[in-house]
C-alpha atoms as a PDB file:
ATOM      1  CA  UNK A   1      42.638 131.121  73.539  1.00  0.00           C
ATOM      2  CA  UNK A   2      39.525 129.635  74.663  1.00  0.00           C
ATOM      3  CA  UNK A   3      39.610 125.591  75.244  1.00  0.00           C
ATOM      4  CA  UNK A   4      38.389 123.033  77.281  1.00  0.00           C
ATOM      5  CA  UNK A   5      39.427 119.465  76.929  1.00  0.00           C
ATOM      6  CA  UNK A   6      36.334 117.399  76.660  1.00  0.00           C
ATOM      7  CA  UNK A   7      38.587 114.005  77.457  1.00  0.00           C
ATOM      8  CA  UNK A   8      38.819 111.683  78.652  1.00  0.00           C
ATOM      9  CA  UNK A   9      35.670 110.710  77.131  1.00  0.00           C
ATOM     10  CA  UNK A  10      35.927 112.792  73.475  1.00  0.00           C
ATOM     11  CA  UNK A  11      38.548 111.121  72.252  1.00  0.00           C
ATOM     12  CA  UNK A  12      38.028 113.057  68.834  1.00  0.00           C
ATOM     13  CA  UNK A  13      41.902 113.834  68.913  1.00  0.00           C
ATOM     14  CA  UNK A  14      42.249 109.845  69.697  1.00  0.00           C
ATOM     15  CA  UNK A  15      40.005 108.250  67.287  1.00  0.00           C
ATOM     16  CA  UNK A  16      40.419 107.528  63.928  1.00  0.00           C
ATOM     17  CA  UNK A  17      38.341 110.031  62.195  1.00  0.00           C
ATOM     18  CA  UNK A  18      41.095 111.706  60.728  1.00  0.00           C
ATOM     19  CA  UNK A  19      42.876 109.151  59.201  1.00  0.00           C
ATOM     20  CA  UNK A  20      46.216 107.904  60.127  1.00  0.00           C
ATOM     21  CA  UNK A  21      48.598 109.252  62.442  1.00  0.00           C
ATOM     22  CA  UNK A  22      51.370 108.767  64.725  1.00  0.00           C
ATOM     23  CA  UNK A  23      51.540 109.256  68.759  1.00  0.00           C
ATOM     24  CA  UNK A  24      54.957 109.757  69.397  1.00  0.00           C
ATOM     25  CA  UNK A  25      56.404 108.218  72.402  1.00  0.00           C
ATOM     26  CA  UNK A  26      60.073 108.557  74.110  1.00  0.00           C
ATOM     27  CA  UNK A  27      61.345 105.797  76.044  1.00  0.00           C
ATOM     28  CA  UNK A  28      60.214 107.558  79.702  1.00  0.00           C
ATOM     29  CA  UNK A  29      56.892 107.448  77.957  1.00  0.00           C
ATOM     30  CA  UNK A  30      57.263 104.106  77.164  1.00  0.00           C
ATOM     31  CA  UNK A  31      58.374 102.971  80.415  1.00  0.00           C
ATOM     32  CA  UNK A  32      55.724 104.659  82.342  1.00  0.00           C
ATOM     33  CA  UNK A  33      53.034 103.237  80.169  1.00  0.00           C
ATOM     34  CA  UNK A  34      54.810  99.889  80.733  1.00  0.00           C
ATOM     35  CA  UNK A  35      54.385 100.424  84.611  1.00  0.00           C
ATOM     36  CA  UNK A  36      50.890 101.651  84.551  1.00  0.00           C
ATOM     37  CA  UNK A  37      50.049  98.596  82.320  1.00  0.00           C
ATOM     38  CA  UNK A  38      52.032  95.816  84.937  1.00  0.00           C
ATOM     39  CA  UNK A  39      54.327  95.167  81.709  1.00  0.00           C
ATOM     40  CA  UNK A  40      57.863  94.693  81.049  1.00  0.00           C
ATOM     41  CA  UNK A  41      59.288  97.371  79.162  1.00  0.00           C
ATOM     42  CA  UNK A  42      59.835  94.174  76.196  1.00  0.00           C
ATOM     43  CA  UNK A  43      56.382  93.794  76.558  1.00  0.00           C
ATOM     44  CA  UNK A  44      54.764  96.926  76.263  1.00  0.00           C
ATOM     45  CA  UNK A  45      57.026  97.584  73.246  1.00  0.00           C
ATOM     46  CA  UNK A  46      56.289  94.501  71.760  1.00  0.00           C
ATOM     47  CA  UNK A  47      52.631  94.748  72.083  1.00  0.00           C
ATOM     48  CA  UNK A  48      51.946  98.726  71.525  1.00  0.00           C
ATOM     49  CA  UNK A  49      54.494 100.273  69.789  1.00  0.00           C
ATOM     50  CA  UNK A  50      55.776 100.442  66.191  1.00  0.00           C
ATOM     51  CA  UNK A  51      59.020 101.743  64.676  1.00  0.00           C
ATOM     52  CA  UNK A  52      58.599 104.979  62.673  1.00  0.00           C
ATOM     53  CA  UNK A  53      61.751 106.377  61.026  1.00  0.00           C
ATOM     54  CA  UNK A  54      64.168 107.267  63.713  1.00  0.00           C
ATOM     55  CA  UNK A  55      61.036 107.419  66.294  1.00  0.00           C
ATOM     56  CA  UNK A  56      58.705 104.968  68.245  1.00  0.00           C
ATOM     57  CA  UNK A  57      54.609 105.612  67.793  1.00  0.00           C
ATOM     58  CA  UNK A  58      52.094 103.808  69.526  1.00  0.00           C
ATOM     59  CA  UNK A  59      50.273 101.320  67.241  1.00  0.00           C
ATOM     60  CA  UNK A  60      46.557 102.114  65.514  1.00  0.00           C
ATOM     61  CA  UNK A  61      43.700  99.994  65.015  1.00  0.00           C
ATOM     62  CA  UNK A  62      42.476  99.088  61.631  1.00  0.00           C
ATOM     63  CA  UNK A  63      40.379 101.974  61.418  1.00  0.00           C
ATOM     64  CA  UNK A  64      43.320 104.368  62.831  1.00  0.00           C
ATOM     65  CA  UNK A  65      42.101 104.553  66.478  1.00  0.00           C
ATOM     66  CA  UNK A  66      44.788 104.963  68.779  1.00  0.00           C
ATOM     67  CA  UNK A  67      45.448 101.364  70.472  1.00  0.00           C
ATOM     68  CA  UNK A  68      44.529 103.367  73.990  1.00  0.00           C
ATOM     69  CA  UNK A  69      41.214 104.886  72.582  1.00  0.00           C
ATOM     70  CA  UNK A  70      38.089 103.414  73.688  1.00  0.00           C
ATOM     71  CA  UNK A  71      34.850 104.591  72.195  1.00  0.00           C
ATOM     72  CA  UNK A  72      32.628 106.337  73.983  1.00  0.00           C
ATOM     73  CA  UNK A  73      34.828 106.135  77.054  1.00  0.00           C
ATOM     74  CA  UNK A  74      38.184 107.853  75.929  1.00  0.00           C
ATOM     75  CA  UNK A  75      41.526 107.258  76.758  1.00  0.00           C
ATOM     76  CA  UNK A  76      42.333 103.885  78.355  1.00  0.00           C
ATOM     77  CA  UNK A  77      45.815 105.474  79.896  1.00  0.00           C
ATOM     78  CA  UNK A  78      44.608 109.049  80.134  1.00  0.00           C
ATOM     79  CA  UNK A  79      46.599 109.947  83.293  1.00  0.00           C
ATOM     80  CA  UNK A  80      49.801 108.164  81.799  1.00  0.00           C
ATOM     81  CA  UNK A  81      49.067 109.440  78.276  1.00  0.00           C
ATOM     82  CA  UNK A  82      51.965 110.583  76.167  1.00  0.00           C
ATOM     83  CA  UNK A  83      53.168 114.433  76.146  1.00  0.00           C
ATOM     84  CA  UNK A  84      52.048 114.680  72.568  1.00  0.00           C
ATOM     85  CA  UNK A  85      48.002 113.880  74.005  1.00  0.00           C
ATOM     86  CA  UNK A  86      49.073 116.279  77.058  1.00  0.00           C
ATOM     87  CA  UNK A  87      49.777 119.380  75.016  1.00  0.00           C
ATOM     88  CA  UNK A  88      47.207 119.259  72.460  1.00  0.00           C
ATOM     89  CA  UNK A  89      45.782 121.462  70.694  1.00  0.00           C
ATOM     90  CA  UNK A  90      49.016 124.215  71.637  1.00  0.00           C
ATOM     91  CA  UNK A  91      51.135 122.557  69.070  1.00  0.00           C
ATOM     92  CA  UNK A  92      53.422 125.497  67.238  1.00  0.00           C
ATOM     93  CA  UNK A  93      51.607 124.501  63.878  1.00  0.00           C
ATOM     94  CA  UNK A  94      48.350 124.853  65.418  1.00  0.00           C
ATOM     95  CA  UNK A  95      48.599 128.650  67.380  1.00  0.00           C
ATOM     96  CA  UNK A  96      50.899 129.674  64.946  1.00  0.00           C
ATOM     97  CA  UNK A  97      47.960 131.399  63.128  1.00  0.00           C
ATOM     98  CA  UNK A  98      44.129 132.495  64.056  1.00  0.00           C
ATOM     99  CA  UNK A  99      43.857 130.603  60.797  1.00  0.00           C
ATOM    100  CA  UNK A 100      45.432 127.628  62.053  1.00  0.00           C
ATOM    101  CA  UNK A 101      43.197 127.375  65.018  1.00  0.00           C
ATOM    102  CA  UNK A 102      40.049 128.089  64.017  1.00  0.00           C
ATOM    103  CA  UNK A 103      40.830 124.930  61.305  1.00  0.00           C
ATOM    104  CA  UNK A 104      41.747 122.622  64.403  1.00  0.00           C
ATOM    105  CA  UNK A 105      38.561 123.763  65.806  1.00  0.00           C
ATOM    106  CA  UNK A 106      36.415 122.212  63.219  1.00  0.00           C
ATOM    107  CA  UNK A 107      38.169 118.985  64.443  1.00  0.00           C
ATOM    108  CA  UNK A 108      38.061 119.329  67.829  1.00  0.00           C
ATOM    109  CA  UNK A 109      35.232 120.295  70.363  1.00  0.00           C
ATOM    110  CA  UNK A 110      36.947 121.758  72.738  1.00  0.00           C
ATOM    111  CA  UNK A 111      38.572 124.446  70.862  1.00  0.00           C
ATOM    112  CA  UNK A 112      36.445 127.695  71.159  1.00  0.00           C
ATOM    113  CA  UNK A 113      33.571 125.541  72.631  1.00  0.00           C
ATOM    114  CA  UNK A 114      32.656 127.870  75.518  1.00  0.00           C
ATOM    115  CA  UNK A 115      34.348 130.882  77.535  1.00  0.00           C
ATOM    116  CA  UNK A 116      37.011 128.877  79.425  1.00  0.00           C
ATOM    117  CA  UNK A 117      39.816 130.882  78.778  1.00  0.00           C
ATOM    118  CA  UNK A 118      43.860 129.278  78.979  1.00  0.00           C
ATOM    119  CA  UNK A 119      46.243 132.254  79.520  1.00  0.00           C
ATOM    120  CA  UNK A 120      49.149 133.253  77.647  1.00  0.00           C
ATOM    121  CA  UNK A 121      51.341 131.876  79.994  1.00  0.00           C
ATOM    122  CA  UNK A 122      49.952 128.081  80.048  1.00  0.00           C
ATOM    123  CA  UNK A 123      49.776 128.455  76.313  1.00  0.00           C
ATOM    124  CA  UNK A 124      53.672 129.263  76.125  1.00  0.00           C
ATOM    125  CA  UNK A 125      54.296 126.774  78.703  1.00  0.00           C
ATOM    126  CA  UNK A 126      52.375 123.839  76.492  1.00  0.00           C
ATOM    127  CA  UNK A 127      54.256 125.556  73.662  1.00  0.00           C
ATOM    128  CA  UNK A 128      57.647 124.841  75.739  1.00  0.00           C
ATOM    129  CA  UNK A 129      56.751 121.427  76.594  1.00  0.00           C
ATOM    130  CA  UNK A 130      55.955 120.566  72.870  1.00  0.00           C
ATOM    131  CA  UNK A 131      58.757 121.742  71.120  1.00  0.00           C
ATOM    132  CA  UNK A 132      61.478 119.610  73.970  1.00  0.00           C
ATOM    133  CA  UNK A 133      59.097 117.112  72.704  1.00  0.00           C
ATOM    134  CA  UNK A 134      59.800 117.339  68.834  1.00  0.00           C
ATOM    135  CA  UNK A 135      63.522 118.331  69.500  1.00  0.00           C
ATOM    136  CA  UNK A 136      66.131 115.319  68.961  1.00  0.00           C
END
């Protein structure tokens, strides 16, 4: 598959261009982000996290941008970003078919943007990581 992330500057997947969404975070991810921001877990969750059903998501701004997305600069916590962000676009629902991959390419400038090839082994690894993230 051809993909090269244009981030952290790009941010198309972080911005609210596609409407509301959810960046799901685990306790370990919240702890890591809190540490990077030099906050306690309690301070971090009160400021940046919302409860959604049985899970937790980063909050969004009024325009649906991720709370950590900075226009024209990208992700403010790129090195500590959640697994959901790290594995994109190699999510099962996206790579399940060429049609889905091509549809996602309309939203993500890094998909099919150049000849950078991601190996099948790496795609499978990212899918496995993402699947574990989605497993309760």
